[in-house]
Amino acid sequence: MAYKIRYNKTFLKDALQVTNWLEKEWSKKVADDFAKALYTKIHRLTKTPYAGSPARKGKDVRKLIITKYNKIYYRVQGNIITALTLFETRQNPKKNKYE
C-alpha cells in the first residue's frame, strides 16, 4: 500500500519555529541539516508507517524521534499519515498533549 503524508497546521507552525530558531541561534547549516533530517525521517514513514512507537495519549497517535531534542507525533489512517505536531523535548513536558 502506498502511504501519503499530510501535514496539519500545528505541525507546519512547529517545524517553522524550530528551523527559524536553529538558524538564529546556531547557523543556516544547522537549520538546513535539521530540515533535511526531518524530511528524510517523515518520508521513510511512507514505507514503514508503524516505525514510531505508540504515544501514551491520543487515539492511534504514534511518535518518532527526529533528533535527540525533537520528535514528531503522527497518526496513520488508511493510507494517509498525518503529521500532527513537532515537539521540542527541552520545553515543559506538560505542554505535550500526547504524553
Protein backbone atom coordinates (compact mmCIF):
# COMPACT_ATOMS: atom_id res chain seq x y z
CA MET A 1 0.00 0.00 0.00
CA ALA A 2 1.35 3.44 -0.89
CA TYR A 3 1.10 5.84 2.05
CA LYS A 4 0.76 9.58 1.62
CA ILE A 5 1.92 12.27 4.04
CA ARG A 6 -0.28 15.15 5.19
CA TYR A 7 0.86 17.95 7.46
CA ASN A 8 -1.56 19.76 9.73
CA LYS A 9 -1.20 23.47 10.54
CA THR A 10 0.22 22.85 14.01
CA PHE A 11 3.00 20.66 12.63
CA LEU A 12 3.92 23.19 9.96
CA LYS A 13 3.98 26.03 12.52
CA ASP A 14 6.13 23.98 14.91
CA ALA A 15 8.60 22.96 12.18
CA LEU A 16 8.97 26.56 11.03
CA GLN A 17 9.58 27.78 14.58
CA VAL A 18 12.26 25.17 15.22
CA THR A 19 14.12 25.81 11.97
CA ASN A 20 13.94 29.59 12.46
CA TRP A 21 15.28 29.25 16.00
CA LEU A 22 18.12 26.96 14.88
CA GLU A 23 19.11 29.40 12.14
CA LYS A 24 19.02 32.37 14.53
CA GLU A 25 20.84 30.69 17.44
CA TRP A 26 23.23 28.39 15.58
CA SER A 27 23.51 28.76 11.80
CA LYS A 28 21.74 28.28 8.49
CA LYS A 29 23.63 24.99 8.01
CA VAL A 30 22.34 23.60 11.33
CA ALA A 31 18.79 24.62 10.38
CA ASP A 32 19.17 23.08 6.92
CA ASP A 33 20.56 19.85 8.39
CA PHE A 34 17.60 19.65 10.77
CA ALA A 35 15.10 20.26 7.95
CA LYS A 36 16.78 17.54 5.88
CA ALA A 37 16.66 15.05 8.78
CA LEU A 38 13.01 15.89 9.42
CA TYR A 39 12.07 15.44 5.77
CA THR A 40 14.02 12.17 5.45
CA LYS A 41 12.51 10.57 8.55
CA ILE A 42 8.96 11.63 7.71
CA HIS A 43 9.23 10.26 4.19
CA ARG A 44 10.62 6.97 5.47
CA LEU A 45 7.26 6.59 7.17
CA THR A 46 5.67 6.12 3.73
CA LYS A 47 7.43 2.74 3.65
CA THR A 48 7.23 1.88 7.36
CA PRO A 49 4.33 3.85 8.85
CA TYR A 50 4.34 1.97 12.14
CA ALA A 51 8.05 2.56 12.83
CA GLY A 52 7.22 5.05 15.56
CA SER A 53 6.14 3.85 18.98
CA PRO A 54 2.61 4.45 20.29
CA ALA A 55 2.11 7.67 22.24
CA ARG A 56 0.63 7.42 25.71
CA LYS A 57 -2.32 9.67 24.90
CA GLY A 58 -4.26 10.31 21.72
CA LYS A 59 -6.19 7.77 19.76
CA ASP A 60 -3.90 5.95 17.32
CA VAL A 61 -1.12 8.53 17.74
CA ARG A 62 2.48 7.43 17.28
CA LYS A 63 5.78 9.22 17.93
CA LEU A 64 9.05 9.19 16.04
CA ILE A 65 12.32 10.68 17.26
CA ILE A 66 13.86 13.07 14.74
CA THR A 67 16.82 14.31 16.80
CA LYS A 68 17.60 13.94 20.47
CA TYR A 69 15.65 17.18 21.05
CA ASN A 70 12.75 16.74 18.61
CA LYS A 71 10.08 14.17 17.94
CA ILE A 72 7.03 14.13 15.75
CA TYR A 73 3.61 12.83 16.60
CA TYR A 74 1.59 11.39 13.76
CA ARG A 75 -1.47 9.29 13.01
CA VAL A 76 -1.98 6.59 10.37
CA GLN A 77 -5.49 6.29 8.95
CA GLY A 78 -5.93 4.10 5.90
CA ASN A 79 -3.16 5.08 3.51
CA ILE A 80 -2.75 8.60 4.98
CA ILE A 81 -0.07 9.55 7.52
CA THR A 82 -0.88 12.86 9.18
CA ALA A 83 1.98 14.71 10.89
CA LEU A 84 0.26 16.25 13.93
CA THR A 85 2.96 18.13 15.81
CA LEU A 86 6.69 18.52 16.22
CA PHE A 87 7.59 18.57 19.92
CA GLU A 88 10.78 20.16 21.22
CA THR A 89 11.81 17.91 24.12
CA ARG A 90 13.57 20.70 26.03
CA GLN A 91 10.30 22.51 26.68
CA ASN A 92 7.99 21.83 29.59
CA PRO A 93 6.75 18.20 29.26
CA LYS A 94 3.31 19.31 30.48
CA LYS A 95 2.86 21.08 27.13
CA ASN A 96 2.96 17.73 25.34
CA LYS A 97 -0.65 16.62 24.98
CA TYR A 98 0.35 13.17 23.69
CA GLU A 99 2.48 12.00 26.65
